[in-house]
Amino acid sequence: MSLQDDVNAVKRCLDELVRSVGQLERDLAREQAPQERQSPAVAPGRPEALAAAPDAPYGASGRRGTEDEGTGHRDRRSP
């Protein structure tokens, strides 16, 4: 092959690559568009609700009855 043939082959490959990347970008945009329309997180006019966590340490009353939930007995270590 001559140098010119090599250059032409590279140009064809680059053109093919540009077309493929363009197609991938269009496919990706098409795939993302329905998700954005359906997602409540991105719905306009809907503020995101934040849960406030207290700065004070949690009391023992919040752990009452945890031995029934599979977290172990209060006075023993888990195996």
PDB file of N, CA and C in Angstrom:
ATOM      1  N   MET A   1       0.826  -1.184   0.000  1.00  0.00           N
ATOM      2  CA  MET A   1       0.000   0.000   0.000  1.00  0.00           C
ATOM      3  C   MET A   1       0.868   1.244   0.000  1.00  0.00           C
ATOM      4  N   SER A   2       0.392   2.223  -0.666  1.00  0.00           N
ATOM      5  CA  SER A   2       1.131   3.485  -0.690  1.00  0.00           C
ATOM      6  C   SER A   2       0.720   4.335   0.515  1.00  0.00           C
ATOM      7  N   LEU A   3       1.467   5.370   0.725  1.00  0.00           N
ATOM      8  CA  LEU A   3       1.175   6.272   1.831  1.00  0.00           C
ATOM      9  C   LEU A   3      -0.198   6.914   1.656  1.00  0.00           C
ATOM     10  N   GLN A   4      -0.540   7.259   0.423  1.00  0.00           N
ATOM     11  CA  GLN A   4      -1.839   7.892   0.158  1.00  0.00           C
ATOM     12  C   GLN A   4      -2.981   6.923   0.469  1.00  0.00           C
ATOM     13  N   ASP A   5      -2.801   5.644   0.142  1.00  0.00           N
ATOM     14  CA  ASP A   5      -3.830   4.642   0.455  1.00  0.00           C
ATOM     15  C   ASP A   5      -4.011   4.521   1.971  1.00  0.00           C
ATOM     16  N   ASP A   6      -2.908   4.565   2.702  1.00  0.00           N
ATOM     17  CA  ASP A   6      -2.982   4.500   4.164  1.00  0.00           C
ATOM     18  C   ASP A   6      -3.719   5.712   4.736  1.00  0.00           C
ATOM     19  N   VAL A   7      -3.410   6.888   4.195  1.00  0.00           N
ATOM     20  CA  VAL A   7      -4.061   8.111   4.663  1.00  0.00           C
ATOM     21  C   VAL A   7      -5.558   8.048   4.379  1.00  0.00           C
ATOM     22  N   ASN A   8      -5.926   7.580   3.204  1.00  0.00           N
ATOM     23  CA  ASN A   8      -7.348   7.467   2.857  1.00  0.00           C
ATOM     24  C   ASN A   8      -8.056   6.456   3.762  1.00  0.00           C
ATOM     25  N   ALA A   9      -7.394   5.362   4.086  1.00  0.00           N
ATOM     26  CA  ALA A   9      -7.985   4.358   4.971  1.00  0.00           C
ATOM     27  C   ALA A   9      -8.200   4.936   6.373  1.00  0.00           C
ATOM     28  N   VAL A  10      -7.236   5.710   6.851  1.00  0.00           N
ATOM     29  CA  VAL A  10      -7.375   6.340   8.166  1.00  0.00           C
ATOM     30  C   VAL A  10      -8.520   7.346   8.151  1.00  0.00           C
ATOM     31  N   LYS A  11      -8.649   8.121   7.079  1.00  0.00           N
ATOM     32  CA  LYS A  11      -9.745   9.089   6.974  1.00  0.00           C
ATOM     33  C   LYS A  11     -11.097   8.385   7.002  1.00  0.00           C
ATOM     34  N   ARG A  12     -11.198   7.266   6.274  1.00  0.00           N
ATOM     35  CA  ARG A  12     -12.459   6.512   6.271  1.00  0.00           C
ATOM     36  C   ARG A  12     -12.776   5.990   7.674  1.00  0.00           C
ATOM     37  N   CYS A  13     -11.761   5.493   8.355  1.00  0.00           N
ATOM     38  CA  CYS A  13     -11.966   4.978   9.716  1.00  0.00           C
ATOM     39  C   CYS A  13     -12.398   6.092  10.668  1.00  0.00           C
ATOM     40  N   LEU A  14     -11.786   7.264  10.522  1.00  0.00           N
ATOM     41  CA  LEU A  14     -12.166   8.390  11.369  1.00  0.00           C
ATOM     42  C   LEU A  14     -13.589   8.849  11.079  1.00  0.00           C
ATOM     43  N   ASP A  15     -13.963   8.888   9.806  1.00  0.00           N
ATOM     44  CA  ASP A  15     -15.333   9.252   9.454  1.00  0.00           C
ATOM     45  C   ASP A  15     -16.325   8.257  10.054  1.00  0.00           C
ATOM     46  N   GLU A  16     -15.998   6.986   9.969  1.00  0.00           N
ATOM     47  CA  GLU A  16     -16.853   5.944  10.550  1.00  0.00           C
ATOM     48  C   GLU A  16     -16.952   6.115  12.062  1.00  0.00           C
ATOM     49  N   LEU A  17     -15.837   6.442  12.703  1.00  0.00           N
ATOM     50  CA  LEU A  17     -15.826   6.653  14.149  1.00  0.00           C
ATOM     51  C   LEU A  17     -16.699   7.846  14.531  1.00  0.00           C
ATOM     52  N   VAL A  18     -16.597   8.929  13.782  1.00  0.00           N
ATOM     53  CA  VAL A  18     -17.404  10.119  14.058  1.00  0.00           C
ATOM     54  C   VAL A  18     -18.885   9.791  13.919  1.00  0.00           C
ATOM     55  N   ARG A  19     -19.254   9.043  12.892  1.00  0.00           N
ATOM     56  CA  ARG A  19     -20.656   8.645  12.711  1.00  0.00           C
ATOM     57  C   ARG A  19     -21.124   7.760  13.861  1.00  0.00           C
ATOM     58  N   SER A  20     -20.287   6.835  14.276  1.00  0.00           N
ATOM     59  CA  SER A  20     -20.659   5.917  15.361  1.00  0.00           C
ATOM     60  C   SER A  20     -20.828   6.652  16.686  1.00  0.00           C
ATOM     61  N   VAL A  21     -19.922   7.578  16.972  1.00  0.00           N
ATOM     62  CA  VAL A  21     -20.031   8.347  18.211  1.00  0.00           C
ATOM     63  C   VAL A  21     -21.289   9.211  18.181  1.00  0.00           C
ATOM     64  N   GLY A  22     -21.585   9.803  17.059  1.00  0.00           N
ATOM     65  CA  GLY A  22     -22.812  10.592  16.932  1.00  0.00           C
ATOM     66  C   GLY A  22     -24.052   9.750  17.170  1.00  0.00           C
ATOM     67  N   GLN A  23     -24.063   8.541  16.610  1.00  0.00           N
ATOM     68  CA  GLN A  23     -25.194   7.638  16.812  1.00  0.00           C
ATOM     69  C   GLN A  23     -25.314   7.247  18.284  1.00  0.00           C
ATOM     70  N   LEU A  24     -24.185   6.975  18.927  1.00  0.00           N
ATOM     71  CA  LEU A  24     -24.207   6.636  20.354  1.00  0.00           C
ATOM     72  C   LEU A  24     -24.738   7.793  21.196  1.00  0.00           C
ATOM     73  N   GLU A  25     -24.341   9.017  20.864  1.00  0.00           N
ATOM     74  CA  GLU A  25     -24.839  10.180  21.598  1.00  0.00           C
ATOM     75  C   GLU A  25     -26.344  10.326  21.433  1.00  0.00           C
ATOM     76  N   ARG A  26     -26.849  10.118  20.222  1.00  0.00           N
ATOM     77  CA  ARG A  26     -28.293  10.206  19.993  1.00  0.00           C
ATOM     78  C   ARG A  26     -29.032   9.104  20.741  1.00  0.00           C
ATOM     79  N   ASP A  27     -28.484   7.893  20.710  1.00  0.00           N
ATOM     80  CA  ASP A  27     -29.108   6.772  21.426  1.00  0.00           C
ATOM     81  C   ASP A  27     -29.140   7.032  22.927  1.00  0.00           C
ATOM     82  N   LEU A  28     -28.051   7.546  23.453  1.00  0.00           N
ATOM     83  CA  LEU A  28     -27.977   7.831  24.880  1.00  0.00           C
ATOM     84  C   LEU A  28     -28.981   8.914  25.269  1.00  0.00           C
ATOM     85  N   ALA A  29     -29.085   9.951  24.480  1.00  0.00           N
ATOM     86  CA  ALA A  29     -30.041  11.022  24.764  1.00  0.00           C
ATOM     87  C   ALA A  29     -31.466  10.493  24.711  1.00  0.00           C
ATOM     88  N   ARG A  30     -31.738   9.620  23.765  1.00  0.00           N
ATOM     89  CA  ARG A  30     -33.077   9.041  23.636  1.00  0.00           C
ATOM     90  C   ARG A  30     -33.388   8.131  24.823  1.00  0.00           C
ATOM     91  N   GLU A  31     -32.398   7.401  25.307  1.00  0.00           N
ATOM     92  CA  GLU A  31     -32.600   6.504  26.450  1.00  0.00           C
ATOM     93  C   GLU A  31     -32.781   7.283  27.749  1.00  0.00           C
ATOM     94  N   GLN A  32     -32.091   8.397  27.903  1.00  0.00           N
ATOM     95  CA  GLN A  32     -32.175   9.167  29.140  1.00  0.00           C
ATOM     96  C   GLN A  32     -33.427  10.026  29.200  1.00  0.00           C
ATOM     97  N   ALA A  33     -33.950  10.433  28.098  1.00  0.00           N
ATOM     98  CA  ALA A  33     -35.091  11.339  28.084  1.00  0.00           C
ATOM     99  C   ALA A  33     -36.317  10.764  28.791  1.00  0.00           C
ATOM    100  N   PRO A  34     -36.750   9.523  28.548  1.00  0.00           N
ATOM    101  CA  PRO A  34     -37.936   9.018  29.259  1.00  0.00           C
ATOM    102  C   PRO A  34     -37.710   8.917  30.762  1.00  0.00           C
ATOM    103  N   GLN A  35     -36.526   8.577  31.197  1.00  0.00           N
ATOM    104  CA  GLN A  35     -36.246   8.457  32.622  1.00  0.00           C
ATOM    105  C   GLN A  35     -36.353   9.816  33.299  1.00  0.00           C
ATOM    106  N   GLU A  36     -35.888  10.841  32.648  1.00  0.00           N
ATOM    107  CA  GLU A  36     -35.946  12.171  33.238  1.00  0.00           C
ATOM    108  C   GLU A  36     -37.382  12.657  33.340  1.00  0.00           C
ATOM    109  N   ARG A  37     -38.218  12.307  32.386  1.00  0.00           N
ATOM    110  CA  ARG A  37     -39.612  12.721  32.440  1.00  0.00           C
ATOM    111  C   ARG A  37     -40.367  11.985  33.534  1.00  0.00           C
ATOM    112  N   GLN A  38     -40.005  10.731  33.814  1.00  0.00           N
ATOM    113  CA  GLN A  38     -40.736   9.920  34.770  1.00  0.00           C
ATOM    114  C   GLN A  38     -40.205  10.048  36.189  1.00  0.00           C
ATOM    115  N   SER A  39     -39.023  10.513  36.371  1.00  0.00           N
ATOM    116  CA  SER A  39     -38.400  10.549  37.688  1.00  0.00           C
ATOM    117  C   SER A  39     -39.000  11.670  38.536  1.00  0.00           C
ATOM    118  N   PRO A  40     -39.526  11.352  39.722  1.00  0.00           N
ATOM    119  CA  PRO A  40     -40.080  12.411  40.567  1.00  0.00           C
ATOM    120  C   PRO A  40     -39.004  13.323  41.135  1.00  0.00           C
ATOM    121  N   ALA A  41     -37.765  12.853  41.179  1.00  0.00           N
ATOM    122  CA  ALA A  41     -36.686  13.661  41.736  1.00  0.00           C
ATOM    123  C   ALA A  41     -36.372  14.868  40.860  1.00  0.00           C
ATOM    124  N   VAL A  42     -36.644  14.779  39.576  1.00  0.00           N
ATOM    125  CA  VAL A  42     -36.327  15.888  38.682  1.00  0.00           C
ATOM    126  C   VAL A  42     -37.575  16.635  38.229  1.00  0.00           C
ATOM    127  N   ALA A  43     -38.722  16.325  38.843  1.00  0.00           N
ATOM    128  CA  ALA A  43     -39.948  17.015  38.469  1.00  0.00           C
ATOM    129  C   ALA A  43     -39.844  18.480  38.895  1.00  0.00           C
ATOM    130  N   PRO A  44     -40.191  19.408  38.003  1.00  0.00           N
ATOM    131  CA  PRO A  44     -40.067  20.823  38.344  1.00  0.00           C
ATOM    132  C   PRO A  44     -41.080  21.226  39.415  1.00  0.00           C
ATOM    133  N   GLY A  45     -40.685  22.142  40.287  1.00  0.00           N
ATOM    134  CA  GLY A  45     -41.586  22.661  41.296  1.00  0.00           C
ATOM    135  C   GLY A  45     -41.792  21.744  42.482  1.00  0.00           C
ATOM    136  N   ARG A  46     -41.040  20.701  42.582  1.00  0.00           N
ATOM    137  CA  ARG A  46     -41.208  19.754  43.680  1.00  0.00           C
ATOM    138  C   ARG A  46     -39.944  19.786  44.540  1.00  0.00           C
ATOM    139  N   PRO A  47     -39.999  20.438  45.702  1.00  0.00           N
ATOM    140  CA  PRO A  47     -38.789  20.533  46.521  1.00  0.00           C
ATOM    141  C   PRO A  47     -38.424  19.186  47.133  1.00  0.00           C
ATOM    142  N   GLU A  48     -37.156  19.005  47.323  1.00  0.00           N
ATOM    143  CA  GLU A  48     -36.665  17.767  47.919  1.00  0.00           C
ATOM    144  C   GLU A  48     -36.822  17.856  49.431  1.00  0.00           C
ATOM    145  N   ALA A  49     -37.481  16.856  50.032  1.00  0.00           N
ATOM    146  CA  ALA A  49     -37.698  16.847  51.475  1.00  0.00           C
ATOM    147  C   ALA A  49     -36.460  16.297  52.168  1.00  0.00           C
ATOM    148  N   LEU A  50     -35.992  17.031  53.162  1.00  0.00           N
ATOM    149  CA  LEU A  50     -34.829  16.604  53.924  1.00  0.00           C
ATOM    150  C   LEU A  50     -35.275  16.207  55.325  1.00  0.00           C
ATOM    151  N   ALA A  51     -34.717  15.129  55.828  1.00  0.00           N
ATOM    152  CA  ALA A  51     -35.006  14.688  57.187  1.00  0.00           C
ATOM    153  C   ALA A  51     -33.954  15.266  58.115  1.00  0.00           C
ATOM    154  N   ALA A  52     -34.408  15.867  59.197  1.00  0.00           N
ATOM    155  CA  ALA A  52     -33.482  16.462  60.158  1.00  0.00           C
ATOM    156  C   ALA A  52     -33.075  15.413  61.181  1.00  0.00           C
ATOM    157  N   ALA A  53     -31.792  15.298  61.434  1.00  0.00           N
ATOM    158  CA  ALA A  53     -31.274  14.385  62.453  1.00  0.00           C
ATOM    159  C   ALA A  53     -30.845  15.216  63.652  1.00  0.00           C
ATOM    160  N   PRO A  54     -31.273  14.825  64.851  1.00  0.00           N
ATOM    161  CA  PRO A  54     -30.913  15.622  66.025  1.00  0.00           C
ATOM    162  C   PRO A  54     -29.423  15.518  66.340  1.00  0.00           C
ATOM    163  N   ASP A  55     -28.889  16.579  66.934  1.00  0.00           N
ATOM    164  CA  ASP A  55     -27.481  16.584  67.325  1.00  0.00           C
ATOM    165  C   ASP A  55     -27.248  15.826  68.627  1.00  0.00           C
ATOM    166  N   ALA A  56     -28.295  15.683  69.438  1.00  0.00           N
ATOM    167  CA  ALA A  56     -28.174  14.993  70.726  1.00  0.00           C
ATOM    168  C   ALA A  56     -28.016  13.489  70.493  1.00  0.00           C
ATOM    169  N   PRO A  57     -27.314  12.803  71.386  1.00  0.00           N
ATOM    170  CA  PRO A  57     -27.181  11.348  71.235  1.00  0.00           C
ATOM    171  C   PRO A  57     -28.530  10.666  71.438  1.00  0.00           C
ATOM    172  N   TYR A  58     -28.693   9.531  70.806  1.00  0.00           N
ATOM    173  CA  TYR A  58     -29.943   8.791  70.923  1.00  0.00           C
ATOM    174  C   TYR A  58     -30.052   8.180  72.308  1.00  0.00           C
ATOM    175  N   GLY A  59     -31.227   8.209  72.889  1.00  0.00           N
ATOM    176  CA  GLY A  59     -31.455   7.654  74.216  1.00  0.00           C
ATOM    177  C   GLY A  59     -31.673   6.150  74.166  1.00  0.00           C
ATOM    178  N   ALA A  60     -31.656   5.524  75.341  1.00  0.00           N
ATOM    179  CA  ALA A  60     -31.855   4.075  75.445  1.00  0.00           C
ATOM    180  C   ALA A  60     -33.269   3.681  75.046  1.00  0.00           C
ATOM    181  N   SER A  61     -34.224   4.600  75.134  1.00  0.00           N
ATOM    182  CA  SER A  61     -35.606   4.270  74.781  1.00  0.00           C
ATOM    183  C   SER A  61     -35.735   3.915  73.298  1.00  0.00           C
ATOM    184  N   GLY A  62     -34.861   4.411  72.491  1.00  0.00           N
ATOM    185  CA  GLY A  62     -34.911   4.083  71.070  1.00  0.00           C
ATOM    186  C   GLY A  62     -34.437   2.682  70.759  1.00  0.00           C
ATOM    187  N   ARG A  63     -33.741   2.086  71.712  1.00  0.00           N
ATOM    188  CA  ARG A  63     -33.252   0.720  71.509  1.00  0.00           C
ATOM    189  C   ARG A  63     -34.067  -0.309  72.281  1.00  0.00           C
ATOM    190  N   ARG A  64     -35.105   0.094  72.924  1.00  0.00           N
ATOM    191  CA  ARG A  64     -35.924  -0.813  73.719  1.00  0.00           C
ATOM    192  C   ARG A  64     -36.570  -1.855  72.808  1.00  0.00           C
ATOM    193  N   GLY A  65     -36.440  -3.120  73.166  1.00  0.00           N
ATOM    194  CA  GLY A  65     -37.052  -4.204  72.411  1.00  0.00           C
ATOM    195  C   GLY A  65     -36.234  -4.659  71.217  1.00  0.00           C
ATOM    196  N   THR A  66     -34.999  -4.244  71.104  1.00  0.00           N
ATOM    197  CA  THR A  66     -34.215  -4.624  69.931  1.00  0.00           C
ATOM    198  C   THR A  66     -33.818  -6.085  69.929  1.00  0.00           C
ATOM    199  N   GLU A  67     -33.844  -6.745  71.108  1.00  0.00           N
ATOM    200  CA  GLU A  67     -33.484  -8.159  71.109  1.00  0.00           C
ATOM    201  C   GLU A  67     -34.499  -8.974  70.304  1.00  0.00           C
ATOM    202  N   ASP A  68     -35.699  -8.451  70.138  1.00  0.00           N
ATOM    203  CA  ASP A  68     -36.707  -9.147  69.344  1.00  0.00           C
ATOM    204  C   ASP A  68     -36.478  -8.967  67.846  1.00  0.00           C
ATOM    205  N   GLU A  69     -35.638  -8.039  67.461  1.00  0.00           N
ATOM    206  CA  GLU A  69     -35.426  -7.744  66.054  1.00  0.00           C
ATOM    207  C   GLU A  69     -34.177  -8.392  65.491  1.00  0.00           C
ATOM    208  N   GLY A  70     -33.569  -9.290  66.247  1.00  0.00           N
ATOM    209  CA  GLY A  70     -32.417  -9.998  65.729  1.00  0.00           C
ATOM    210  C   GLY A  70     -31.106  -9.257  65.869  1.00  0.00           C
ATOM    211  N   THR A  71     -31.072  -8.206  66.662  1.00  0.00           N
ATOM    212  CA  THR A  71     -29.824  -7.465  66.832  1.00  0.00           C
ATOM    213  C   THR A  71     -29.052  -7.909  68.058  1.00  0.00           C
ATOM    214  N   GLY A  72     -29.560  -8.901  68.780  1.00  0.00           N
ATOM    215  CA  GLY A  72     -28.851  -9.411  69.954  1.00  0.00           C
ATOM    216  C   GLY A  72     -29.450  -8.902  71.242  1.00  0.00           C
ATOM    217  N   HIS A  73     -29.070  -9.526  72.320  1.00  0.00           N
ATOM    218  CA  HIS A  73     -29.554  -9.130  73.637  1.00  0.00           C
ATOM    219  C   HIS A  73     -28.756  -7.937  74.125  1.00  0.00           C
ATOM    220  N   ARG A  74     -29.377  -7.122  74.915  1.00  0.00           N
ATOM    221  CA  ARG A  74     -28.783  -5.875  75.371  1.00  0.00           C
ATOM    222  C   ARG A  74     -27.489  -6.088  76.155  1.00  0.00           C
ATOM    223  N   ASP A  75     -27.414  -7.150  76.975  1.00  0.00           N
ATOM    224  CA  ASP A  75     -26.248  -7.359  77.831  1.00  0.00           C
ATOM    225  C   ASP A  75     -25.247  -8.362  77.265  1.00  0.00           C
ATOM    226  N   ARG A  76     -25.472  -8.874  76.078  1.00  0.00           N
ATOM    227  CA  ARG A  76     -24.559  -9.869  75.499  1.00  0.00           C
ATOM    228  C   ARG A  76     -24.016  -9.373  74.169  1.00  0.00           C
ATOM    229  N   ARG A  77     -22.881  -9.916  73.794  1.00  0.00           N
ATOM    230  CA  ARG A  77     -22.292  -9.593  72.489  1.00  0.00           C
ATOM    231  C   ARG A  77     -22.813 -10.576  71.455  1.00  0.00           C
ATOM    232  N   SER A  78     -22.926 -10.145  70.257  1.00  0.00           N
ATOM    233  CA  SER A  78     -23.359 -11.058  69.199  1.00  0.00           C
ATOM    234  C   SER A  78     -22.219 -11.998  68.830  1.00  0.00           C
ATOM    235  N   PRO A  79     -22.550 -13.198  68.372  1.00  0.00           N
ATOM    236  CA  PRO A  79     -21.519 -14.202  68.062  1.00  0.00           C
ATOM    237  C   PRO A  79     -20.617 -13.801  66.924  1.00  0.00           C
TER     238      PRO A  79
END
